[in-house]
Amino acid sequence: MVESSQGIHPKKLKSFVRNVCVISKKHKDREQARVELQKQMQRLKRFSYKKKEMDEELKELNRKISLVLEKEMLLLGIEQGESAASKELMRNVAENEEKIRQMNDSINELKLKLDDYMRFKTERERKIDELEKRIRAKAGEKKNISLLKKKLNDLEVVYNNLKKKGLDVSRVADRIQNLKLQLA
């Protein structure tokens, strides 16, 4: 084989450059997968309280974690499950999945507590409204009672005046009797 003037073998140089390009591509893929994972983690931190959106975000997070692990394994040139590092990564993934499950459980518990609180609050507001209506009704009745008492007193004065004059007071007496029945 012919060596160049600088002492480098052309086939070895070609092989070296090809390997550098392959490794560079694998590093780039790994970094891109890490960036996507970080973005997904940020989106998860800002998650909404809607369970459907949370489930979709968690599925996407799992997919991106798997992608990062795959890119890491490709970079190392090791198949999944063959090295201690990949076993450690898989253990970490399992732990993360358990933490995610616990977070989902906690979120569901919070939702239940919030639902209970909202039911309690609406029931309490309904009872307060009901009491306010009763109080207003009683206040209205007291006004009516005071008006009836005033009318009764006025009629009794008229009754006494008509009786002193010797006029027919039977209609006034009937009206007084009706007012007393209404007050009773």
C-alpha atoms as a PDB file:
ATOM      1  CA  MET A   1       0.000   0.000   0.000  1.00  0.00           C
ATOM      2  CA  VAL A   2       1.133   3.493  -0.759  1.00  0.00           C
ATOM      3  CA  GLU A   3       1.694   5.985   2.008  1.00  0.00           C
ATOM      4  CA  SER A   4       1.318   9.695   1.468  1.00  0.00           C
ATOM      5  CA  SER A   5       4.217  12.065   1.769  1.00  0.00           C
ATOM      6  CA  GLN A   6       3.254  12.771   5.341  1.00  0.00           C
ATOM      7  CA  GLY A   7       3.309   9.148   6.483  1.00  0.00           C
ATOM      8  CA  ILE A   8      -0.482   8.599   6.599  1.00  0.00           C
ATOM      9  CA  HIS A   9      -2.012   5.541   4.978  1.00  0.00           C
ATOM     10  CA  PRO A  10      -4.965   6.632   2.722  1.00  0.00           C
ATOM     11  CA  LYS A  11      -7.249   3.689   3.569  1.00  0.00           C
ATOM     12  CA  LYS A  12      -6.656   4.134   7.298  1.00  0.00           C
ATOM     13  CA  LEU A  13      -7.309   7.879   6.950  1.00  0.00           C
ATOM     14  CA  LYS A  14     -10.546   7.140   5.094  1.00  0.00           C
ATOM     15  CA  SER A  15     -11.611   4.654   7.791  1.00  0.00           C
ATOM     16  CA  PHE A  16     -10.666   7.124  10.540  1.00  0.00           C
ATOM     17  CA  VAL A  17     -12.658   9.968   8.965  1.00  0.00           C
ATOM     18  CA  ARG A  18     -15.678   7.668   8.447  1.00  0.00           C
ATOM     19  CA  ASN A  19     -15.551   6.569  12.104  1.00  0.00           C
ATOM     20  CA  VAL A  20     -15.231  10.172  13.289  1.00  0.00           C
ATOM     21  CA  CYS A  21     -18.290  11.106  11.182  1.00  0.00           C
ATOM     22  CA  VAL A  22     -20.317   8.178  12.564  1.00  0.00           C
ATOM     23  CA  ILE A  23     -19.383   9.024  16.142  1.00  0.00           C
ATOM     24  CA  SER A  24     -20.108  12.700  15.523  1.00  0.00           C
ATOM     25  CA  LYS A  25     -23.580  11.791  14.164  1.00  0.00           C
ATOM     26  CA  LYS A  26     -24.254   9.575  17.200  1.00  0.00           C
ATOM     27  CA  HIS A  27     -23.191  12.372  19.563  1.00  0.00           C
ATOM     28  CA  LYS A  28     -25.412  14.843  17.725  1.00  0.00           C
ATOM     29  CA  ASP A  29     -28.384  12.430  17.899  1.00  0.00           C
ATOM     30  CA  ARG A  30     -27.774  11.876  21.603  1.00  0.00           C
ATOM     31  CA  GLU A  31     -27.629  15.592  22.340  1.00  0.00           C
ATOM     32  CA  GLN A  32     -30.788  16.232  20.297  1.00  0.00           C
ATOM     33  CA  ALA A  33     -32.594  13.495  22.257  1.00  0.00           C
ATOM     34  CA  ARG A  34     -31.412  15.050  25.539  1.00  0.00           C
ATOM     35  CA  VAL A  35     -32.634  18.486  24.470  1.00  0.00           C
ATOM     36  CA  GLU A  36     -36.046  17.059  23.561  1.00  0.00           C
ATOM     37  CA  LEU A  37     -36.181  15.276  26.903  1.00  0.00           C
ATOM     38  CA  GLN A  38     -35.411  18.515  28.738  1.00  0.00           C
ATOM     39  CA  LYS A  39     -38.126  20.340  26.775  1.00  0.00           C
ATOM     40  CA  GLN A  40     -40.612  17.612  27.613  1.00  0.00           C
ATOM     41  CA  MET A  41     -39.652  17.794  31.283  1.00  0.00           C
ATOM     42  CA  GLN A  42     -40.248  21.576  31.221  1.00  0.00           C
ATOM     43  CA  ARG A  43     -43.681  21.058  29.620  1.00  0.00           C
ATOM     44  CA  LEU A  44     -44.488  18.467  32.273  1.00  0.00           C
ATOM     45  CA  LYS A  45     -43.591  20.930  35.008  1.00  0.00           C
ATOM     46  CA  ARG A  46     -46.146  23.368  33.583  1.00  0.00           C
ATOM     47  CA  PHE A  47     -48.781  20.685  33.131  1.00  0.00           C
ATOM     48  CA  SER A  48     -52.432  21.534  33.420  1.00  0.00           C
ATOM     49  CA  TYR A  49     -54.785  19.858  35.890  1.00  0.00           C
ATOM     50  CA  LYS A  50     -56.571  18.064  33.128  1.00  0.00           C
ATOM     51  CA  LYS A  51     -55.876  14.352  33.372  1.00  0.00           C
ATOM     52  CA  LYS A  52     -56.046  13.767  29.613  1.00  0.00           C
ATOM     53  CA  GLU A  53     -53.354  16.336  28.912  1.00  0.00           C
ATOM     54  CA  MET A  54     -51.236  14.963  31.764  1.00  0.00           C
ATOM     55  CA  ASP A  55     -51.492  11.414  30.403  1.00  0.00           C
ATOM     56  CA  GLU A  56     -50.485  12.573  26.917  1.00  0.00           C
ATOM     57  CA  GLU A  57     -47.516  14.491  28.316  1.00  0.00           C
ATOM     58  CA  LEU A  58     -46.428  11.458  30.354  1.00  0.00           C
ATOM     59  CA  LYS A  59     -46.612   9.184  27.301  1.00  0.00           C
ATOM     60  CA  GLU A  60     -44.522  11.671  25.345  1.00  0.00           C
ATOM     61  CA  LEU A  61     -42.025  11.863  28.242  1.00  0.00           C
ATOM     62  CA  ASN A  62     -41.698   8.064  28.316  1.00  0.00           C
ATOM     63  CA  ARG A  63     -41.138   8.026  24.564  1.00  0.00           C
ATOM     64  CA  LYS A  64     -38.422  10.665  24.795  1.00  0.00           C
ATOM     65  CA  ILE A  65     -36.706   8.914  27.723  1.00  0.00           C
ATOM     66  CA  SER A  66     -36.631   5.721  25.700  1.00  0.00           C
ATOM     67  CA  LEU A  67     -35.217   7.641  22.749  1.00  0.00           C
ATOM     68  CA  VAL A  68     -32.448   9.137  24.910  1.00  0.00           C
ATOM     69  CA  LEU A  69     -31.591   5.714  26.289  1.00  0.00           C
ATOM     70  CA  GLU A  70     -31.528   4.254  22.810  1.00  0.00           C
ATOM     71  CA  LYS A  71     -29.217   7.012  21.551  1.00  0.00           C
ATOM     72  CA  GLU A  72     -26.959   6.538  24.581  1.00  0.00           C
ATOM     73  CA  MET A  73     -26.734   2.812  23.914  1.00  0.00           C
ATOM     74  CA  LEU A  74     -26.031   3.370  20.228  1.00  0.00           C
ATOM     75  CA  LEU A  75     -23.244   5.754  21.156  1.00  0.00           C
ATOM     76  CA  LEU A  76     -21.730   3.181  23.447  1.00  0.00           C
ATOM     77  CA  GLY A  77     -22.265   0.450  20.863  1.00  0.00           C
ATOM     78  CA  ILE A  78     -23.997  -1.779  23.381  1.00  0.00           C
ATOM     79  CA  GLU A  79     -27.317  -3.525  22.972  1.00  0.00           C
ATOM     80  CA  GLN A  80     -30.016  -2.918  25.539  1.00  0.00           C
ATOM     81  CA  GLY A  81     -29.665  -4.971  28.722  1.00  0.00           C
ATOM     82  CA  GLU A  82     -26.067  -6.102  28.139  1.00  0.00           C
ATOM     83  CA  SER A  83     -24.146  -3.666  30.290  1.00  0.00           C
ATOM     84  CA  ALA A  84     -24.284  -2.511  33.875  1.00  0.00           C
ATOM     85  CA  ALA A  85     -24.837   1.047  32.649  1.00  0.00           C
ATOM     86  CA  SER A  86     -27.902   0.090  30.660  1.00  0.00           C
ATOM     87  CA  LYS A  87     -29.229  -1.887  33.614  1.00  0.00           C
ATOM     88  CA  GLU A  88     -28.719   1.174  35.791  1.00  0.00           C
ATOM     89  CA  LEU A  89     -30.528   3.335  33.242  1.00  0.00           C
ATOM     90  CA  MET A  90     -33.405   0.866  33.071  1.00  0.00           C
ATOM     91  CA  ARG A  91     -33.585   0.850  36.879  1.00  0.00           C
ATOM     92  CA  ASN A  92     -33.702   4.648  36.821  1.00  0.00           C
ATOM     93  CA  VAL A  93     -36.468   4.550  34.216  1.00  0.00           C
ATOM     94  CA  ALA A  94     -38.445   2.143  36.395  1.00  0.00           C
ATOM     95  CA  GLU A  95     -37.949   4.412  39.404  1.00  0.00           C
ATOM     96  CA  ASN A  96     -39.060   7.416  37.368  1.00  0.00           C
ATOM     97  CA  GLU A  97     -42.139   5.558  36.176  1.00  0.00           C
ATOM     98  CA  GLU A  98     -42.977   4.730  39.800  1.00  0.00           C
ATOM     99  CA  LYS A  99     -42.522   8.385  40.781  1.00  0.00           C
ATOM    100  CA  ILE A 100     -44.774   9.421  37.895  1.00  0.00           C
ATOM    101  CA  ARG A 101     -47.396   6.918  39.027  1.00  0.00           C
ATOM    102  CA  GLN A 102     -47.187   8.294  42.574  1.00  0.00           C
ATOM    103  CA  MET A 103     -47.547  11.827  41.217  1.00  0.00           C
ATOM    104  CA  ASN A 104     -50.639  10.759  39.270  1.00  0.00           C
ATOM    105  CA  ASP A 105     -52.070   9.200  42.425  1.00  0.00           C
ATOM    106  CA  SER A 106     -51.380  12.377  44.379  1.00  0.00           C
ATOM    107  CA  ILE A 107     -52.984  14.480  41.658  1.00  0.00           C
ATOM    108  CA  ASN A 108     -56.049  12.241  41.670  1.00  0.00           C
ATOM    109  CA  GLU A 109     -56.291  12.532  45.467  1.00  0.00           C
ATOM    110  CA  LEU A 110     -56.062  16.313  45.188  1.00  0.00           C
ATOM    111  CA  LYS A 111     -58.791  16.286  42.539  1.00  0.00           C
ATOM    112  CA  LEU A 112     -61.038  14.264  44.837  1.00  0.00           C
ATOM    113  CA  LYS A 113     -60.395  16.625  47.739  1.00  0.00           C
ATOM    114  CA  LEU A 114     -61.062  19.611  45.496  1.00  0.00           C
ATOM    115  CA  ASP A 115     -64.309  18.049  44.272  1.00  0.00           C
ATOM    116  CA  ASP A 116     -65.383  17.420  47.878  1.00  0.00           C
ATOM    117  CA  TYR A 117     -64.495  20.977  48.811  1.00  0.00           C
ATOM    118  CA  MET A 118     -66.468  22.361  45.853  1.00  0.00           C
ATOM    119  CA  ARG A 119     -69.510  20.251  46.766  1.00  0.00           C
ATOM    120  CA  PHE A 120     -69.233  21.403  50.390  1.00  0.00           C
ATOM    121  CA  LYS A 121     -68.888  25.023  49.299  1.00  0.00           C
ATOM    122  CA  THR A 122     -71.873  24.928  46.921  1.00  0.00           C
ATOM    123  CA  GLU A 123     -74.006  23.196  49.565  1.00  0.00           C
ATOM    124  CA  ARG A 124     -72.984  25.802  52.101  1.00  0.00           C
ATOM    125  CA  GLU A 125     -73.790  28.644  49.691  1.00  0.00           C
ATOM    126  CA  ARG A 126     -77.179  27.054  48.993  1.00  0.00           C
ATOM    127  CA  LYS A 127     -77.918  26.860  52.730  1.00  0.00           C
ATOM    128  CA  ILE A 128     -76.841  30.467  53.229  1.00  0.00           C
ATOM    129  CA  ASP A 129     -79.143  31.578  50.395  1.00  0.00           C
ATOM    130  CA  GLU A 130     -81.971  29.586  51.916  1.00  0.00           C
ATOM    131  CA  LEU A 131     -81.410  31.183  55.334  1.00  0.00           C
ATOM    132  CA  GLU A 132     -81.259  34.655  53.795  1.00  0.00           C
ATOM    133  CA  LYS A 133     -84.603  34.036  52.081  1.00  0.00           C
ATOM    134  CA  ARG A 134     -86.130  32.883  55.375  1.00  0.00           C
ATOM    135  CA  ILE A 135     -84.797  35.939  57.170  1.00  0.00           C
ATOM    136  CA  ARG A 136     -86.169  38.251  54.481  1.00  0.00           C
ATOM    137  CA  ALA A 137     -89.523  36.476  54.653  1.00  0.00           C
ATOM    138  CA  LYS A 138     -89.604  36.834  58.445  1.00  0.00           C
ATOM    139  CA  ALA A 139     -88.688  40.520  58.169  1.00  0.00           C
ATOM    140  CA  GLY A 140     -91.522  40.980  55.688  1.00  0.00           C
ATOM    141  CA  GLU A 141     -93.910  39.188  58.034  1.00  0.00           C
ATOM    142  CA  LYS A 142     -92.842  41.415  60.932  1.00  0.00           C
ATOM    143  CA  LYS A 143     -93.579  44.497  58.832  1.00  0.00           C
ATOM    144  CA  ASN A 144     -97.000  43.066  58.004  1.00  0.00           C
ATOM    145  CA  ILE A 145     -97.615  42.262  61.663  1.00  0.00           C
ATOM    146  CA  SER A 146     -96.681  45.779  62.767  1.00  0.00           C
ATOM    147  CA  LEU A 147     -98.957  47.234  60.068  1.00  0.00           C
ATOM    148  CA  LEU A 148    -101.816  44.975  61.175  1.00  0.00           C
ATOM    149  CA  LYS A 149    -101.281  45.963  64.828  1.00  0.00           C
ATOM    150  CA  LYS A 150    -101.371  49.628  63.837  1.00  0.00           C
ATOM    151  CA  LYS A 151    -104.584  49.086  61.859  1.00  0.00           C
ATOM    152  CA  LEU A 152    -106.055  47.203  64.804  1.00  0.00           C
ATOM    153  CA  ASN A 153    -105.219  50.040  67.196  1.00  0.00           C
ATOM    154  CA  ASP A 154    -106.692  52.590  64.763  1.00  0.00           C
ATOM    155  CA  LEU A 155    -109.862  50.520  64.377  1.00  0.00           C
ATOM    156  CA  GLU A 156    -110.192  50.136  68.141  1.00  0.00           C
ATOM    157  CA  VAL A 157    -109.958  53.930  68.495  1.00  0.00           C
ATOM    158  CA  VAL A 158    -112.608  54.343  65.775  1.00  0.00           C
ATOM    159  CA  TYR A 159    -114.729  51.643  67.448  1.00  0.00           C
ATOM    160  CA  ASN A 160    -114.576  53.390  70.807  1.00  0.00           C
ATOM    161  CA  ASN A 161    -115.417  56.774  69.218  1.00  0.00           C
ATOM    162  CA  LEU A 162    -118.385  55.333  67.295  1.00  0.00           C
ATOM    163  CA  LYS A 163    -119.589  53.451  70.352  1.00  0.00           C
ATOM    164  CA  LYS A 164    -119.525  56.660  72.422  1.00  0.00           C
ATOM    165  CA  LYS A 165    -121.622  58.386  69.753  1.00  0.00           C
ATOM    166  CA  GLY A 166    -124.107  55.523  69.810  1.00  0.00           C
ATOM    167  CA  LEU A 167    -123.685  54.504  66.155  1.00  0.00           C
ATOM    168  CA  ASP A 168    -123.776  50.965  64.683  1.00  0.00           C
ATOM    169  CA  VAL A 169    -120.338  49.456  65.366  1.00  0.00           C
ATOM    170  CA  SER A 170    -120.964  45.886  64.230  1.00  0.00           C
ATOM    171  CA  ARG A 171    -118.979  46.249  60.987  1.00  0.00           C
ATOM    172  CA  VAL A 172    -116.023  47.781  62.824  1.00  0.00           C
ATOM    173  CA  ALA A 173    -116.237  45.022  65.467  1.00  0.00           C
ATOM    174  CA  ASP A 174    -116.168  42.377  62.697  1.00  0.00           C
ATOM    175  CA  ARG A 175    -113.136  44.034  61.091  1.00  0.00           C
ATOM    176  CA  ILE A 176    -111.344  44.153  64.483  1.00  0.00           C
ATOM    177  CA  GLN A 177    -112.126  40.458  64.989  1.00  0.00           C
ATOM    178  CA  ASN A 178    -110.685  39.613  61.508  1.00  0.00           C
ATOM    179  CA  LEU A 179    -107.483  41.562  62.254  1.00  0.00           C
ATOM    180  CA  LYS A 180    -107.066  39.775  65.599  1.00  0.00           C
ATOM    181  CA  LEU A 181    -107.441  36.406  63.809  1.00  0.00           C
ATOM    182  CA  GLN A 182    -104.788  37.411  61.265  1.00  0.00           C
ATOM    183  CA  LEU A 183    -102.402  38.391  64.053  1.00  0.00           C
ATOM    184  CA  ALA A 184    -102.928  35.126  65.911  1.00  0.00           C
END
